[in-house]
Amino acid sequence: MKEPEKILEAKDICKAYGKNMVLNQVNLTIKAGEIYGLVGENGAGKSSLMKVITGLTKPTSGEISLFGKKNLEDERNKIGCLIENPALYMDMTARQNLEIQRTQRGIPGKSSIDEVLEIMDLKDAGNKRVKAFSLGMKQRLGIAIALLGRPQLLILDEPINGLDPTKIIYVREVLKNMNEEDGTTILISSHILPELHQLATVYGFIHHGKMLQQITDKELDEKCRRHVHIEVDNVEKASCILDERYPESQIKVYLRNVIKVFGYNKNISDITKELVYGGVGVEKIGYEGEDLEEYYTNLLSEVKSNETA
């Protein structure tokens, strides 16, 4: 099977403002069709990285390729973005704001304005001045601007800020449909991690300007799935015993002494008895399982404890 095209590749990206290093040798790869969720605390470097990718600021060092090419000026025409707060002209209408952006970016056809107004459920507000908009409407207009011209790569920084719960769901479905039906590749950040967990197919965890980890949704789900975590002194013997005694469960061996049992919902003391009876020393046993928020919190706690060690 052919490997998906690399839409974005960032290598060793550094960005410093004086002595303040906001990005420190960040590496990032996004393939065609992925929804890449960028996760990090405020000030971790999410917006700075997006600004470097879109050309809003230049990296201090490192290189970026877009759609397999290094001529970024041409390739950036294929990007739509919303970074931080949308830049809007408050005394103009939504339609006028979109027209200015369409003209500046050289996007042909005024029909694209009607299209994005409808997509973002702003069709009836197109001729209203933006200063009369609610925070959520302004945010949706910012997303509409990013959608102009059907970009191949969509970069959204906290796009659901200010949206009410129904519109959060609405925007999520819009992005899913664009990804599934049009093949739009998306780089998105959000501090609402349960929402991001319903959307992203790949995650990047960034902290103090460094990329801590990149992981696919399948890898994350496997790590976060509720299971029995067992640490033993003889993993081969333990896995044989568990396979024989619990054929309905999924037994997986990790590292040299760790076994994870998926699909087991009985008393874990039974597992301990079986292993000890079979001559296996059980060093640790217990239920584990996290959601994205818990996974990220635990990852961050581990990193911070290492920083202070």
Protein backbone atom coordinates (compact mmCIF):
# COMPACT_ATOMS: atom_id res chain seq x y z
CA MET A 1 0.00 0.00 0.00
CA LYS A 2 1.34 3.43 -0.97
CA GLU A 3 2.49 5.62 1.93
CA PRO A 4 0.35 8.79 2.30
CA GLU A 5 1.94 12.00 1.07
CA LYS A 6 3.73 14.15 3.63
CA ILE A 7 1.73 17.37 3.72
CA LEU A 8 3.90 19.06 6.33
CA GLU A 9 7.36 18.26 7.61
CA ALA A 10 9.14 20.42 10.17
CA LYS A 11 12.74 19.58 11.10
CA ASP A 12 14.59 20.90 14.14
CA ILE A 13 12.52 24.09 14.33
CA CYS A 14 13.84 26.64 16.81
CA LYS A 15 12.36 30.05 17.53
CA ALA A 16 13.89 32.50 19.98
CA TYR A 17 12.87 35.98 21.04
CA GLY A 18 16.10 37.29 22.52
CA LYS A 19 17.11 34.73 25.14
CA ASN A 20 13.61 33.26 25.33
CA MET A 21 13.51 30.00 23.34
CA VAL A 22 9.84 29.34 22.55
CA LEU A 23 10.49 26.44 20.14
CA ASN A 24 13.39 24.09 20.73
CA GLN A 25 14.28 21.64 17.94
CA VAL A 26 10.68 20.69 17.19
CA ASN A 27 10.15 17.90 14.67
CA LEU A 28 6.70 17.34 13.20
CA THR A 29 5.32 15.30 10.32
CA ILE A 30 1.71 15.41 9.13
CA LYS A 31 0.53 13.07 6.39
CA ALA A 32 -2.32 13.52 3.94
CA GLY A 33 -5.73 12.95 5.49
CA GLU A 34 -4.60 13.19 9.09
CA ILE A 35 -6.21 15.33 11.77
CA TYR A 36 -3.24 16.26 13.93
CA GLY A 37 -4.12 17.39 17.46
CA LEU A 38 -1.49 19.64 19.02
CA VAL A 39 -1.68 19.44 22.81
CA GLY A 40 0.09 21.68 25.31
CA GLU A 41 -0.36 24.16 28.14
CA ASN A 42 -0.66 27.89 27.53
CA GLY A 43 2.79 29.11 26.49
CA ALA A 44 3.95 25.63 25.47
CA GLY A 45 4.65 26.75 21.89
CA LYS A 46 1.52 25.69 20.00
CA SER A 47 0.70 29.08 18.48
CA SER A 48 4.38 29.84 17.84
CA LEU A 49 4.75 26.61 15.87
CA MET A 50 1.64 27.36 13.82
CA LYS A 51 2.91 30.87 13.08
CA VAL A 52 6.20 29.45 11.81
CA ILE A 53 4.40 26.92 9.61
CA THR A 54 2.10 29.54 8.08
CA GLY A 55 4.88 32.10 7.59
CA LEU A 56 3.53 34.62 10.10
CA THR A 57 6.94 34.47 11.77
CA LYS A 58 10.31 33.10 10.69
CA PRO A 59 12.09 30.32 12.57
CA THR A 60 15.46 31.08 14.13
CA SER A 61 16.69 27.79 12.67
CA GLY A 62 15.35 24.58 11.16
CA GLU A 63 13.47 23.91 7.96
CA ILE A 64 9.92 23.30 6.78
CA SER A 65 8.58 21.57 3.70
CA LEU A 66 4.97 21.73 2.55
CA PHE A 67 3.42 19.19 0.18
CA GLY A 68 6.92 17.77 -0.33
CA LYS A 69 8.36 21.10 -1.51
CA LYS A 70 10.57 23.74 0.07
CA ASN A 71 9.28 26.66 -2.02
CA LEU A 72 6.99 27.66 0.82
CA GLU A 73 5.54 30.85 -0.66
CA ASP A 74 3.71 28.96 -3.40
CA GLU A 75 2.70 26.04 -1.19
CA ARG A 76 1.30 28.26 1.56
CA ASN A 77 -1.46 29.27 -0.86
CA LYS A 78 -2.90 25.81 -0.18
CA ILE A 79 -3.24 26.57 3.54
CA GLY A 80 -6.18 28.09 5.42
CA CYS A 81 -5.53 29.18 8.99
CA LEU A 82 -6.98 30.68 12.14
CA ILE A 83 -4.29 31.44 14.70
CA GLU A 84 -5.11 33.01 18.05
CA ASN A 85 -7.97 35.53 17.68
CA PRO A 86 -9.50 36.12 14.22
CA ALA A 87 -8.36 39.41 12.64
CA LEU A 88 -11.67 41.06 11.76
CA TYR A 89 -12.79 44.53 10.65
CA MET A 90 -15.47 45.34 13.20
CA ASP A 91 -17.19 48.11 11.22
CA MET A 92 -17.55 45.90 8.15
CA THR A 93 -20.02 43.10 7.51
CA ALA A 94 -19.11 39.43 7.60
CA ARG A 95 -19.40 39.31 3.81
CA GLN A 96 -17.07 42.33 3.41
CA ASN A 97 -14.51 40.73 5.72
CA LEU A 98 -14.58 37.58 3.63
CA GLU A 99 -14.32 39.56 0.38
CA ILE A 100 -11.18 41.34 1.61
CA GLN A 101 -9.58 38.02 2.54
CA ARG A 102 -10.66 36.39 -0.73
CA THR A 103 -9.13 39.23 -2.78
CA GLN A 104 -5.89 39.35 -0.78
CA ARG A 105 -5.38 35.61 -1.16
CA GLY A 106 -6.28 35.58 -4.85
CA ILE A 107 -9.14 33.11 -4.45
CA PRO A 108 -11.33 33.16 -7.57
CA GLY A 109 -15.12 33.29 -7.52
CA LYS A 110 -17.34 35.17 -5.08
CA SER A 111 -19.40 32.01 -4.66
CA SER A 112 -16.77 30.81 -2.18
CA ILE A 113 -18.03 33.48 0.24
CA ASP A 114 -21.60 32.15 0.19
CA GLU A 115 -20.22 28.64 0.57
CA VAL A 116 -18.24 29.31 3.76
CA LEU A 117 -21.01 31.45 5.28
CA GLU A 118 -23.36 28.51 4.85
CA ILE A 119 -20.84 25.98 6.13
CA MET A 120 -20.34 28.03 9.31
CA ASP A 121 -24.09 28.68 9.74
CA LEU A 122 -23.65 32.44 9.19
CA LYS A 123 -25.71 32.78 6.02
CA ASP A 124 -28.33 34.99 7.68
CA ALA A 125 -25.65 37.16 9.31
CA GLY A 126 -23.58 37.83 6.19
CA ASN A 127 -24.72 41.45 5.86
CA LYS A 128 -24.48 42.31 9.55
CA ARG A 129 -21.60 44.36 10.93
CA VAL A 130 -19.13 42.24 12.85
CA LYS A 131 -19.19 44.55 15.89
CA ALA A 132 -22.74 43.30 16.53
CA PHE A 133 -21.59 39.65 16.53
CA SER A 134 -21.31 37.54 19.66
CA LEU A 135 -17.90 36.06 20.55
CA GLY A 136 -18.99 32.71 19.11
CA MET A 137 -20.14 34.28 15.82
CA LYS A 138 -16.80 36.10 15.47
CA GLN A 139 -15.00 32.82 16.04
CA ARG A 140 -17.10 31.07 13.39
CA LEU A 141 -16.38 33.91 10.98
CA GLY A 142 -12.68 33.40 11.66
CA ILE A 143 -13.08 29.72 10.78
CA ALA A 144 -15.07 30.68 7.66
CA ILE A 145 -12.14 32.87 6.53
CA ALA A 146 -9.79 29.90 7.02
CA LEU A 147 -12.09 27.73 4.87
CA LEU A 148 -12.08 30.11 1.88
CA GLY A 149 -10.89 28.41 -1.29
CA ARG A 150 -11.15 24.88 0.14
CA PRO A 151 -7.58 24.64 1.51
CA GLN A 152 -5.74 21.34 1.36
CA LEU A 153 -4.22 21.99 4.79
CA LEU A 154 -6.29 23.66 7.51
CA ILE A 155 -4.48 25.07 10.57
CA LEU A 156 -6.73 25.99 13.49
CA ASP A 157 -5.52 27.34 16.82
CA GLU A 158 -8.17 26.85 19.54
CA PRO A 159 -11.03 27.10 16.99
CA ILE A 160 -13.82 26.33 19.47
CA ASN A 161 -12.96 29.17 21.86
CA GLY A 162 -16.12 31.10 22.70
CA LEU A 163 -18.49 28.58 21.10
CA ASP A 164 -21.51 27.25 22.96
CA PRO A 165 -21.84 23.44 23.31
CA THR A 166 -24.13 23.03 20.28
CA LYS A 167 -21.78 24.99 18.03
CA ILE A 168 -18.76 23.04 19.33
CA ILE A 169 -20.47 19.86 18.12
CA TYR A 170 -21.43 21.60 14.87
CA VAL A 171 -17.85 22.72 14.13
CA ARG A 172 -16.52 19.26 15.01
CA GLU A 173 -18.88 17.68 12.45
CA VAL A 174 -17.91 20.27 9.81
CA LEU A 175 -14.22 19.44 10.28
CA LYS A 176 -14.88 15.70 10.24
CA ASN A 177 -16.86 15.99 7.01
CA MET A 178 -14.17 18.10 5.34
CA ASN A 179 -11.57 15.53 6.33
CA GLU A 180 -13.58 12.47 5.31
CA GLU A 181 -15.28 13.80 2.18
CA ASP A 182 -12.75 16.30 0.79
CA GLY A 183 -9.58 14.76 2.21
CA THR A 184 -8.65 17.99 4.00
CA THR A 185 -5.63 17.58 6.26
CA ILE A 186 -6.02 19.42 9.57
CA LEU A 187 -3.62 20.68 12.25
CA ILE A 188 -5.64 21.75 15.28
CA SER A 189 -4.94 22.78 18.86
CA SER A 190 -7.46 22.86 21.69
CA HIS A 191 -7.37 23.03 25.47
CA ILE A 192 -10.68 21.11 25.55
CA LEU A 193 -9.04 17.69 25.35
CA PRO A 194 -12.19 15.52 25.47
CA GLU A 195 -13.37 17.35 22.35
CA LEU A 196 -10.01 16.94 20.63
CA HIS A 197 -10.12 13.24 21.48
CA GLN A 198 -13.26 12.88 19.35
CA LEU A 199 -11.58 14.46 16.33
CA ALA A 200 -7.84 13.86 16.07
CA THR A 201 -6.20 10.87 14.39
CA VAL A 202 -2.67 11.81 15.53
CA TYR A 203 -1.48 13.73 18.59
CA GLY A 204 1.62 15.79 19.33
CA PHE A 205 2.36 16.75 22.94
CA ILE A 206 4.43 19.92 23.28
CA HIS A 207 5.92 21.35 26.49
CA HIS A 208 8.22 24.35 26.96
CA GLY A 209 8.82 24.46 23.21
CA LYS A 210 9.83 20.81 22.93
CA MET A 211 7.85 18.02 21.28
CA LEU A 212 7.51 15.38 23.98
CA GLN A 213 5.70 12.71 22.02
CA GLN A 214 3.79 12.01 18.82
CA ILE A 215 1.26 9.19 18.88
CA THR A 216 -1.57 7.93 16.66
CA ASP A 217 -5.14 7.65 17.92
CA LYS A 218 -4.89 3.85 17.75
CA GLU A 219 -1.70 3.83 19.83
CA LEU A 220 -3.28 6.22 22.32
CA ASP A 221 -6.48 4.18 22.58
CA GLU A 222 -4.46 1.04 23.23
CA LYS A 223 -2.47 2.79 25.96
CA CYS A 224 -5.60 4.32 27.48
CA ARG A 225 -7.89 1.29 27.21
CA ARG A 226 -8.96 -0.06 30.58
CA HIS A 227 -6.96 -3.19 31.31
CA VAL A 228 -5.19 -5.18 33.99
CA HIS A 229 -1.54 -4.11 34.22
CA ILE A 230 0.74 -6.86 35.57
CA GLU A 231 4.46 -6.83 36.31
CA VAL A 232 6.00 -10.28 36.77
CA ASP A 233 9.37 -12.00 37.15
CA ASN A 234 8.77 -14.44 34.27
CA VAL A 235 6.80 -12.92 31.42
CA GLU A 236 6.91 -16.00 29.16
CA LYS A 237 5.48 -18.34 31.78
CA ALA A 238 2.92 -15.73 32.86
CA SER A 239 1.63 -15.14 29.34
CA CYS A 240 1.22 -18.90 28.77
CA ILE A 241 -0.77 -19.27 31.99
CA LEU A 242 -3.00 -16.30 31.18
CA ASP A 243 -3.59 -17.43 27.58
CA GLU A 244 -4.69 -20.84 28.84
CA ARG A 245 -6.84 -19.65 31.76
CA TYR A 246 -8.45 -16.60 30.10
CA PRO A 247 -8.86 -17.34 26.37
CA GLU A 248 -11.69 -14.77 26.09
CA SER A 249 -9.33 -11.95 27.13
CA GLN A 250 -6.63 -10.29 25.03
CA ILE A 251 -3.17 -10.83 26.49
CA LYS A 252 -0.36 -8.54 25.35
CA VAL A 253 3.28 -8.51 26.44
CA TYR A 254 5.03 -5.14 26.84
CA LEU A 255 8.69 -4.62 27.69
CA ARG A 256 10.51 -7.45 29.49
CA ASN A 257 8.25 -7.85 32.52
CA VAL A 258 4.90 -6.18 31.74
CA ILE A 259 1.70 -7.89 30.61
CA LYS A 260 -1.59 -6.14 29.88
CA VAL A 261 -4.87 -8.06 29.94
CA PHE A 262 -7.71 -6.46 27.95
CA GLY A 263 -11.36 -7.49 28.20
CA TYR A 264 -11.09 -8.90 31.74
CA ASN A 265 -13.86 -7.72 34.09
CA LYS A 266 -13.60 -10.10 37.04
CA ASN A 267 -11.70 -9.92 40.33
CA ILE A 268 -8.01 -9.36 39.64
CA SER A 269 -7.09 -11.40 42.73
CA ASP A 270 -8.04 -14.46 40.65
CA ILE A 271 -5.28 -13.58 38.18
CA THR A 272 -2.78 -13.21 41.02
CA LYS A 273 -3.73 -16.64 42.41
CA GLU A 274 -3.38 -18.30 39.00
CA LEU A 275 0.05 -16.79 38.39
CA VAL A 276 1.41 -17.53 41.88
CA TYR A 277 0.04 -21.08 41.71
CA GLY A 278 1.87 -21.45 38.39
CA GLY A 279 5.16 -20.36 39.93
CA VAL A 280 5.21 -16.76 38.69
CA GLY A 281 6.20 -13.92 40.99
CA VAL A 282 3.76 -11.00 40.76
CA GLU A 283 5.51 -7.70 41.47
CA LYS A 284 2.56 -5.41 40.68
CA ILE A 285 -1.04 -5.81 39.51
CA GLY A 286 -3.94 -3.39 39.10
CA TYR A 287 -6.46 -1.84 36.75
CA GLU A 288 -5.26 0.95 34.47
CA GLY A 289 -6.86 3.08 31.77
CA GLU A 290 -7.03 6.77 30.94
CA ASP A 291 -8.68 9.26 28.64
CA LEU A 292 -6.68 11.82 26.65
CA GLU A 293 -6.81 14.35 29.48
CA GLU A 294 -5.51 11.87 32.05
CA TYR A 295 -2.87 10.57 29.66
CA TYR A 296 -1.60 14.09 28.98
CA THR A 297 -1.68 15.04 32.67
CA ASN A 298 0.33 11.95 33.61
CA LEU A 299 2.81 12.53 30.78
CA LEU A 300 3.28 16.14 31.88
CA SER A 301 3.66 15.18 35.55
CA GLU A 302 6.37 12.70 34.62
CA VAL A 303 8.22 15.32 32.55
CA LYS A 304 7.96 17.97 35.27
CA SER A 305 9.22 15.57 37.94
CA ASN A 306 12.23 14.76 35.74
CA GLU A 307 12.87 18.49 35.26
CA THR A 308 13.04 19.06 39.02
CA ALA A 309 14.96 15.87 39.79
